[in-house]
Amino acid sequence: PGAESMRSCCLCQICTCGSDYRPYEIVKPPRHVPEEYKPKQGKIDLGTTYKRDFNSYKMQPVAIVRPLERQQIKKGKLDTVPTYKDDYRAWDIEKSELYKPEQTYHPPTVKFGNSTTFQDDYVPQEIKLRQSFKPSSVVKCSMVPFNGDTSYCLDYVPHQLEFKFERPREVYKPTDQPFEDLTTHRNDFQGLAGETAQICRPAYTRVTQNAQFQGSTEFRESFQSLEIPPPAAKRVLEYVPPTGSMELTSTSHRDYVPYPANRVVPIQPVSRRRSNNFPFQGKSTMKEDFPAWESCRQGLIKKQQQIPNPSGKFDDLSTFRSHYVPHELIPTKNCKPLNVTVKSSVPFDDVTMYSIEYTPKKQEICPASYPSPPGYIFENTNSQGHKFFRKITPAAKAF
């Protein structure tokens, strides 16, 4: 019966899948083949409007325009009076008189005795005390015991904890094959013997003069030291105090005379507050409607201990100590090559292109270091102190 049910199920699947989903042949879309590029025949006209309109012209180097030699200005006396002092001179200014009007106000001598609108309109009235509705502060205790049962305490069911699965630790097994420490670098590069290269640099001969240069230069001739006279100290005139007595009175002291004035007495209404010695009734609707109940602090809800406390001495043997097996350490063999220089009987070929093709040349001394350079004839000196020399050309022999 199991095989027949599977067969009927397969037939049912073949019927529904074969009737609805039929396979179709997949035809690849045609691929576009690009045409082969064929270059055009003939020459390309590379002429542009820029080449046709803008023709090139031959340019000549710009001649250097040197500034004219500046002549030294003759020393003369400088007129130190500026145009401001010459045009704007100080004038004697007279003191202007004060144009303040005379004070004609005189304060009254009679006391002000009229009443204000506040005193006329607002009549003091008797203040009535309001009745206090504050409840008494006496604590009212309840006789009903407190119900401390919660939904957690009623619905919680304790369950026993399952033991955690511990996977056994695998023991490490070292391999028996020796370690191959020979690398490709050590295998291919064994080291070649050779001697150190020698320096083929020619000897350095310094051609300088230790003596100080005593000749004249452009800086020494153009910038000569001049004696500068010390600046003249300005003479300060002695202060002469003015004669006569000083008038210390000002226009404010002279025009504003102080007047005696009396302090204004504040006009306040008479206080008609009655002082009564009745005790304060501290009762309110809050204290009467919501009396204080005696409350007891709820105790801690402790969970019952499910795992009993162990009894006996603690065994401090861990899984690492129980499974770990100590092995004897075998020191690793050092494969570092010996630091010994391998010498060869073949001499080192230290010939280079520099040592073969280098030709030492004689260092020439600059002719400017001489006061009169050899091979040159002095011609003239310009106004700035530059000396011009001309080189001596040997005369050609006639055949």
Protein backbone atom coordinates (compact mmCIF):
# COMPACT_ATOMS: atom_id res chain seq x y z
CA PRO A 1 0.00 0.00 0.00
CA GLY A 2 2.92 2.42 0.61
CA ALA A 3 4.30 1.95 -2.93
CA GLU A 4 0.86 2.43 -4.53
CA SER A 5 0.27 5.64 -2.59
CA MET A 6 3.66 6.99 -3.68
CA ARG A 7 2.95 6.03 -7.30
CA SER A 8 -0.45 7.76 -7.26
CA CYS A 9 1.15 10.85 -5.75
CA CYS A 10 3.87 10.94 -8.44
CA LEU A 11 1.25 10.47 -11.20
CA CYS A 12 -0.73 13.34 -9.75
CA GLN A 13 2.35 15.57 -9.73
CA ILE A 14 3.23 14.65 -13.31
CA CYS A 15 -0.27 15.46 -14.47
CA THR A 16 -0.56 18.88 -12.82
CA CYS A 17 3.04 19.98 -13.58
CA GLY A 18 3.04 18.60 -17.12
CA SER A 19 -0.26 20.23 -18.03
CA ASP A 20 0.57 23.68 -16.63
CA TYR A 21 4.34 24.05 -17.07
CA ARG A 22 5.67 22.76 -20.38
CA PRO A 23 9.35 22.98 -21.36
CA TYR A 24 10.27 25.20 -24.32
CA GLU A 25 13.38 25.19 -26.44
CA ILE A 26 15.71 28.07 -25.58
CA VAL A 27 17.02 29.78 -28.69
CA LYS A 28 20.02 32.12 -28.33
CA PRO A 29 19.45 35.64 -29.67
CA PRO A 30 21.37 36.55 -32.84
CA ARG A 31 24.66 38.34 -32.15
CA HIS A 32 25.48 41.55 -33.99
CA VAL A 33 28.72 41.27 -35.93
CA PRO A 34 30.38 44.68 -36.38
CA GLU A 35 31.54 45.64 -39.85
CA GLU A 36 35.21 45.69 -40.62
CA TYR A 37 36.78 49.15 -40.47
CA LYS A 38 38.03 50.41 -43.81
CA PRO A 39 40.10 53.62 -43.71
CA LYS A 40 39.23 56.33 -46.23
CA GLN A 41 41.66 57.06 -49.01
CA GLY A 42 43.21 60.47 -49.59
CA LYS A 43 45.01 63.08 -47.48
CA ILE A 44 43.63 64.93 -44.46
CA ASP A 45 43.48 68.71 -44.68
CA LEU A 46 45.21 69.78 -41.45
CA GLY A 47 44.90 73.50 -42.15
CA THR A 48 42.97 75.57 -39.55
CA THR A 49 41.69 79.15 -39.39
CA TYR A 50 44.29 79.90 -36.70
CA LYS A 51 47.17 78.91 -39.00
CA ARG A 52 45.62 80.82 -41.87
CA ASP A 53 44.87 84.11 -40.01
CA PHE A 54 47.72 84.26 -37.47
CA ASN A 55 51.06 84.18 -39.23
CA SER A 56 54.30 83.80 -37.30
CA TYR A 57 56.74 86.71 -37.16
CA LYS A 58 60.39 86.77 -36.31
CA MET A 59 61.04 88.32 -32.91
CA GLN A 60 64.20 90.07 -31.87
CA PRO A 61 65.51 89.99 -28.30
CA VAL A 62 64.49 92.97 -26.20
CA ALA A 63 67.32 95.39 -25.52
CA ILE A 64 68.13 95.85 -21.85
CA VAL A 65 67.36 99.41 -20.74
CA ARG A 66 69.71 100.29 -17.93
CA PRO A 67 68.85 103.16 -15.58
CA LEU A 68 70.85 106.34 -15.70
CA GLU A 69 73.57 106.87 -13.17
CA ARG A 70 72.29 108.80 -10.20
CA GLN A 71 74.40 111.72 -9.15
CA GLN A 72 74.96 112.51 -5.56
CA ILE A 73 72.79 115.34 -4.22
CA LYS A 74 74.67 118.29 -2.83
CA LYS A 75 74.25 118.86 0.84
CA GLY A 76 72.42 122.04 1.87
CA LYS A 77 70.38 123.53 4.69
CA LEU A 78 66.85 122.07 4.92
CA ASP A 79 63.91 124.39 5.57
CA THR A 80 62.02 122.63 8.37
CA VAL A 81 58.97 124.95 8.41
CA PRO A 82 56.00 122.96 6.92
CA THR A 83 53.13 124.50 5.01
CA TYR A 84 50.69 123.78 7.88
CA LYS A 85 52.61 125.97 10.33
CA ASP A 86 53.10 128.68 7.70
CA ASP A 87 49.40 128.88 6.65
CA TYR A 88 47.61 128.10 9.93
CA ARG A 89 48.91 130.42 12.62
CA ALA A 90 47.72 130.59 16.21
CA TRP A 91 45.35 133.44 17.08
CA ASP A 92 44.55 134.92 20.49
CA ILE A 93 41.06 133.62 21.43
CA GLU A 94 39.06 135.62 23.97
CA LYS A 95 36.78 133.90 26.47
CA SER A 96 33.09 134.06 25.51
CA GLU A 97 30.49 135.26 28.01
CA LEU A 98 27.81 132.98 29.44
CA TYR A 99 24.31 133.50 27.97
CA LYS A 100 22.33 131.64 30.64
CA PRO A 101 18.92 133.13 31.58
CA GLU A 102 18.42 134.30 35.13
CA GLN A 103 16.51 132.01 37.52
CA THR A 104 13.20 133.56 38.63
CA TYR A 105 11.64 130.57 40.44
CA HIS A 106 11.25 130.83 44.20
CA PRO A 107 10.06 127.80 46.24
CA PRO A 108 6.87 128.34 48.33
CA THR A 109 7.10 128.76 52.06
CA VAL A 110 3.56 127.44 52.93
CA LYS A 111 3.17 123.70 53.65
CA PHE A 112 1.15 121.64 51.12
CA GLY A 113 -2.00 120.41 52.87
CA ASN A 114 -4.38 119.04 50.23
CA SER A 115 -5.48 115.37 50.20
CA THR A 116 -4.90 112.96 47.29
CA THR A 117 -7.46 110.98 45.27
CA PHE A 118 -6.23 107.77 46.89
CA GLN A 119 -7.03 109.09 50.36
CA ASP A 120 -10.47 110.31 49.22
CA ASP A 121 -11.62 107.17 47.29
CA TYR A 122 -10.19 104.26 49.30
CA VAL A 123 -11.75 104.06 52.75
CA PRO A 124 -10.15 101.49 55.10
CA GLN A 125 -12.51 98.66 56.00
CA GLU A 126 -12.50 95.98 58.70
CA ILE A 127 -10.72 92.71 57.78
CA LYS A 128 -12.63 89.50 58.58
CA LEU A 129 -10.78 86.24 59.16
CA ARG A 130 -11.74 83.30 56.93
CA GLN A 131 -12.66 79.93 58.42
CA SER A 132 -9.90 77.29 57.97
CA PHE A 133 -10.93 73.94 56.44
CA LYS A 134 -7.62 72.20 56.99
CA PRO A 135 -8.00 68.62 58.40
CA SER A 136 -6.36 67.57 61.62
CA SER A 137 -2.88 66.08 61.47
CA VAL A 138 -3.76 63.11 63.73
CA VAL A 139 -2.78 59.75 62.17
CA LYS A 140 -5.66 57.25 61.99
CA CYS A 141 -4.51 53.63 62.10
CA SER A 142 -6.39 50.86 60.30
CA MET A 143 -7.24 47.53 62.02
CA VAL A 144 -7.31 45.49 58.77
CA PRO A 145 -4.11 43.42 58.26
CA PHE A 146 -2.06 44.16 55.15
CA ASN A 147 -2.46 41.68 52.24
CA GLY A 148 1.03 41.20 50.75
CA ASP A 149 0.22 38.45 48.21
CA THR A 150 1.25 39.28 44.60
CA SER A 151 0.64 37.54 41.26
CA TYR A 152 4.34 36.61 41.10
CA CYS A 153 4.25 34.80 44.44
CA LEU A 154 0.99 32.97 43.55
CA ASP A 155 1.76 32.02 39.88
CA TYR A 156 5.50 31.25 40.07
CA VAL A 157 6.33 27.53 39.92
CA PRO A 158 9.94 26.51 40.74
CA HIS A 159 11.62 24.23 38.16
CA GLN A 160 14.68 22.05 38.57
CA LEU A 161 17.77 23.15 36.60
CA GLU A 162 19.27 20.75 34.06
CA PHE A 163 22.94 19.79 34.15
CA LYS A 164 25.18 21.47 31.53
CA PHE A 165 26.82 19.18 28.97
CA GLU A 166 30.62 19.25 29.20
CA ARG A 167 32.63 18.25 26.15
CA PRO A 168 35.72 16.11 26.88
CA ARG A 169 39.02 17.78 26.06
CA GLU A 170 41.18 16.27 23.31
CA VAL A 171 44.73 15.23 24.15
CA TYR A 172 47.45 16.89 22.04
CA LYS A 173 49.50 14.37 20.04
CA PRO A 174 52.79 15.72 18.62
CA THR A 175 53.99 14.48 15.19
CA ASP A 176 56.84 12.03 14.83
CA GLN A 177 58.32 13.64 11.65
CA PRO A 178 61.34 15.98 12.09
CA PHE A 179 60.87 19.67 11.28
CA GLU A 180 62.26 20.81 7.89
CA ASP A 181 63.84 24.21 8.56
CA LEU A 182 65.72 24.58 5.23
CA THR A 183 64.21 27.51 3.28
CA THR A 184 64.56 28.33 -0.42
CA HIS A 185 66.78 31.30 0.44
CA ARG A 186 69.22 29.15 2.39
CA ASN A 187 69.08 26.46 -0.28
CA ASP A 188 69.75 28.80 -3.25
CA PHE A 189 72.08 31.44 -1.70
CA GLN A 190 75.01 29.67 -0.07
CA GLY A 191 77.29 32.76 -0.08
CA LEU A 192 80.21 33.67 -2.35
CA ALA A 193 83.74 34.44 -1.26
CA GLY A 194 85.28 37.83 -2.14
CA GLU A 195 87.46 40.68 -0.99
CA THR A 196 86.40 44.16 -0.04
CA ALA A 197 86.40 46.77 -2.82
CA GLN A 198 89.09 49.45 -2.82
CA ILE A 199 88.41 53.16 -3.23
CA CYS A 200 89.54 54.47 -6.64
CA ARG A 201 88.93 58.13 -5.84
CA PRO A 202 91.85 60.44 -6.85
CA ALA A 203 93.72 62.45 -4.28
CA TYR A 204 92.09 65.78 -3.35
CA THR A 205 94.43 68.76 -3.71
CA ARG A 206 92.96 72.00 -2.37
CA VAL A 207 94.15 75.08 -4.25
CA THR A 208 93.34 78.05 -1.99
CA GLN A 209 95.16 80.97 -0.49
CA ASN A 210 95.31 81.30 3.25
CA ALA A 211 96.22 84.98 3.07
CA GLN A 212 93.49 87.60 3.49
CA PHE A 213 92.28 89.34 0.36
CA GLN A 214 93.79 92.82 0.34
CA GLY A 215 92.46 94.10 -2.99
CA SER A 216 89.67 96.60 -3.51
CA THR A 217 86.12 95.45 -4.24
CA GLU A 218 82.97 97.13 -5.47
CA PHE A 219 81.46 97.02 -1.97
CA ARG A 220 84.51 98.65 -0.35
CA GLU A 221 84.65 101.44 -2.94
CA SER A 222 80.88 102.17 -3.07
CA PHE A 223 80.06 101.91 0.65
CA GLN A 224 82.64 103.91 2.59
CA SER A 225 82.33 104.60 6.28
CA LEU A 226 81.24 108.15 7.07
CA GLU A 227 81.43 109.94 10.39
CA ILE A 228 77.95 110.72 11.70
CA PRO A 229 77.79 113.59 14.19
CA PRO A 230 75.77 112.92 17.38
CA PRO A 231 72.23 114.36 17.43
CA ALA A 232 71.87 117.72 19.14
CA ALA A 233 69.88 117.66 22.36
CA LYS A 234 66.80 119.87 22.44
CA ARG A 235 66.96 122.59 25.06
CA VAL A 236 63.98 122.60 27.43
CA LEU A 237 62.81 126.04 28.58
CA GLU A 238 62.63 126.63 32.31
CA TYR A 239 59.08 126.76 33.75
CA VAL A 240 58.09 130.19 35.03
CA PRO A 241 54.90 130.23 37.18
CA PRO A 242 52.36 133.00 36.41
CA THR A 243 52.05 135.98 38.71
CA GLY A 244 48.88 136.84 40.62
CA SER A 245 46.21 134.84 42.47
CA MET A 246 44.22 132.08 40.78
CA GLU A 247 40.41 132.40 40.52
CA LEU A 248 38.96 129.04 41.59
CA THR A 249 35.28 129.96 41.16
CA SER A 250 33.49 128.45 38.13
CA THR A 251 30.35 129.47 36.30
CA SER A 252 28.45 126.61 37.97
CA HIS A 253 29.42 127.73 41.48
CA ARG A 254 28.63 131.35 40.68
CA ASP A 255 25.21 130.81 38.95
CA TYR A 256 23.76 127.85 40.90
CA VAL A 257 23.28 128.88 44.51
CA PRO A 258 22.10 126.13 46.93
CA TYR A 259 18.70 126.70 48.58
CA PRO A 260 17.50 125.13 51.89
CA ALA A 261 14.77 122.49 51.36
CA ASN A 262 12.79 120.33 53.79
CA ARG A 263 12.30 116.60 53.34
CA VAL A 264 8.81 115.54 52.17
CA VAL A 265 6.96 113.37 54.70
CA PRO A 266 5.32 110.29 53.08
CA ILE A 267 1.50 110.24 53.35
CA GLN A 268 0.41 106.69 54.26
CA PRO A 269 -3.06 105.40 55.29
CA VAL A 270 -3.63 104.50 58.93
CA SER A 271 -3.31 100.77 59.58
CA ARG A 272 -6.43 99.41 61.33
CA ARG A 273 -5.35 95.82 61.68
CA ARG A 274 -6.61 94.19 64.85
CA SER A 275 -4.35 91.88 66.74
CA ASN A 276 -6.22 88.85 68.12
CA ASN A 277 -4.77 86.10 70.30
CA PHE A 278 -6.93 83.22 69.01
CA PRO A 279 -5.02 79.95 68.29
CA PHE A 280 -4.47 79.01 64.68
CA GLN A 281 -6.82 76.25 63.39
CA GLY A 282 -4.67 74.17 61.05
CA LYS A 283 -7.47 72.07 59.46
CA SER A 284 -8.13 71.57 55.76
CA THR A 285 -10.28 69.37 53.52
CA MET A 286 -7.15 67.48 52.46
CA LYS A 287 -6.39 66.28 55.98
CA GLU A 288 -10.05 65.38 56.70
CA ASP A 289 -10.63 63.44 53.42
CA PHE A 290 -7.25 61.74 53.19
CA PRO A 291 -6.25 60.61 56.65
CA ALA A 292 -2.85 59.01 57.22
CA TRP A 293 -2.95 55.21 57.66
CA GLU A 294 -0.49 53.22 59.67
CA SER A 295 1.74 51.31 57.26
CA CYS A 296 4.23 48.56 57.98
CA ARG A 297 7.28 47.98 55.84
CA GLN A 298 6.99 44.87 53.65
CA GLY A 299 9.62 42.24 54.21
CA LEU A 300 11.96 40.92 51.53
CA ILE A 301 10.57 38.11 49.32
CA LYS A 302 13.38 35.58 49.11
CA LYS A 303 13.40 32.75 46.64
CA GLN A 304 13.70 29.24 48.03
CA GLN A 305 17.13 27.74 47.51
CA GLN A 306 16.96 24.84 45.03
CA ILE A 307 20.61 23.76 45.10
CA PRO A 308 21.70 22.63 48.56
CA ASN A 309 24.93 23.98 50.00
CA PRO A 310 27.90 21.61 49.58
CA SER A 311 29.23 19.81 52.58
CA GLY A 312 32.76 18.65 53.05
CA LYS A 313 36.19 19.90 51.88
CA PHE A 314 36.47 21.70 48.49
CA ASP A 315 38.24 19.68 45.78
CA ASP A 316 40.22 22.24 43.77
CA LEU A 317 41.02 19.83 40.90
CA SER A 318 40.04 21.52 37.58
CA THR A 319 39.55 19.94 34.14
CA PHE A 320 42.86 21.42 32.98
CA ARG A 321 44.78 19.84 35.83
CA SER A 322 43.01 16.49 35.41
CA HIS A 323 43.45 16.28 31.57
CA TYR A 324 46.83 17.99 31.12
CA VAL A 325 49.77 15.59 30.86
CA PRO A 326 53.22 17.21 31.35
CA HIS A 327 55.78 16.39 28.67
CA GLU A 328 59.52 16.78 28.72
CA LEU A 329 60.71 19.83 26.75
CA ILE A 330 63.10 19.10 23.90
CA PRO A 331 65.22 22.13 22.92
CA THR A 332 64.93 23.10 19.24
CA LYS A 333 68.07 22.73 17.16
CA ASN A 334 69.59 26.06 16.04
CA CYS A 335 69.76 26.21 12.24
CA LYS A 336 71.52 29.61 12.04
CA PRO A 337 74.63 29.48 9.80
CA LEU A 338 78.01 30.20 11.34
CA ASN A 339 79.22 33.80 11.10
CA VAL A 340 82.47 32.87 9.36
CA THR A 341 83.80 34.76 6.33
CA VAL A 342 84.40 32.40 3.42
CA LYS A 343 87.60 33.44 1.64
CA SER A 344 88.44 32.63 -1.94
CA SER A 345 91.82 32.26 -3.64
CA VAL A 346 90.59 34.12 -6.76
CA PRO A 347 91.53 37.85 -6.62
CA PHE A 348 88.69 40.37 -6.62
CA ASP A 349 88.12 42.21 -9.90
CA ASP A 350 87.84 45.84 -8.73
CA VAL A 351 88.26 47.50 -12.12
CA THR A 352 85.39 49.96 -12.85
CA MET A 353 84.57 52.29 -15.74
CA TYR A 354 85.22 55.30 -13.49
CA SER A 355 88.76 54.22 -12.59
CA ILE A 356 89.56 53.48 -16.27
CA GLU A 357 88.02 56.53 -18.01
CA TYR A 358 88.59 59.21 -15.30
CA THR A 359 91.31 61.71 -16.25
CA PRO A 360 92.50 64.09 -13.50
CA LYS A 361 92.39 67.75 -14.53
CA LYS A 362 94.23 70.74 -13.17
CA GLN A 363 92.14 73.15 -11.11
CA GLU A 364 92.43 76.74 -12.34
CA ILE A 365 92.46 79.75 -10.04
CA CYS A 366 89.78 82.39 -10.63
CA PRO A 367 91.44 85.57 -12.05
CA ALA A 368 89.19 87.81 -9.92
CA SER A 369 91.14 86.84 -6.79
CA TYR A 370 94.24 88.68 -8.07
CA PRO A 371 94.58 92.48 -7.75
CA SER A 372 95.85 92.52 -11.35
CA PRO A 373 94.79 89.26 -13.11
CA PRO A 374 97.45 87.75 -15.39
CA GLY A 375 96.61 87.71 -19.11
CA TYR A 376 94.30 90.77 -18.84
CA ILE A 377 94.90 94.52 -19.42
CA PHE A 378 93.10 97.19 -17.32
CA GLU A 379 90.99 99.54 -19.44
CA ASN A 380 88.89 101.91 -17.26
CA THR A 381 86.63 102.26 -14.17
CA ASN A 382 83.06 103.55 -14.28
CA SER A 383 81.37 105.89 -11.78
CA GLN A 384 80.12 102.98 -9.63
CA GLY A 385 83.64 101.54 -9.17
CA HIS A 386 83.45 98.62 -11.62
CA LYS A 387 86.82 97.79 -13.21
CA PHE A 388 86.89 96.56 -16.82
CA PHE A 389 89.73 94.37 -18.13
CA ARG A 390 90.49 93.17 -21.61
CA LYS A 391 92.00 89.78 -22.41
CA ILE A 392 95.34 89.71 -24.21
CA THR A 393 95.05 87.87 -27.52
CA PRO A 394 98.31 86.40 -28.91
CA ALA A 395 99.41 87.86 -32.25
CA ALA A 396 99.06 85.52 -35.24
CA LYS A 397 102.31 84.56 -37.03
CA ALA A 398 102.50 85.31 -40.76
CA PHE A 399 103.63 82.48 -43.00
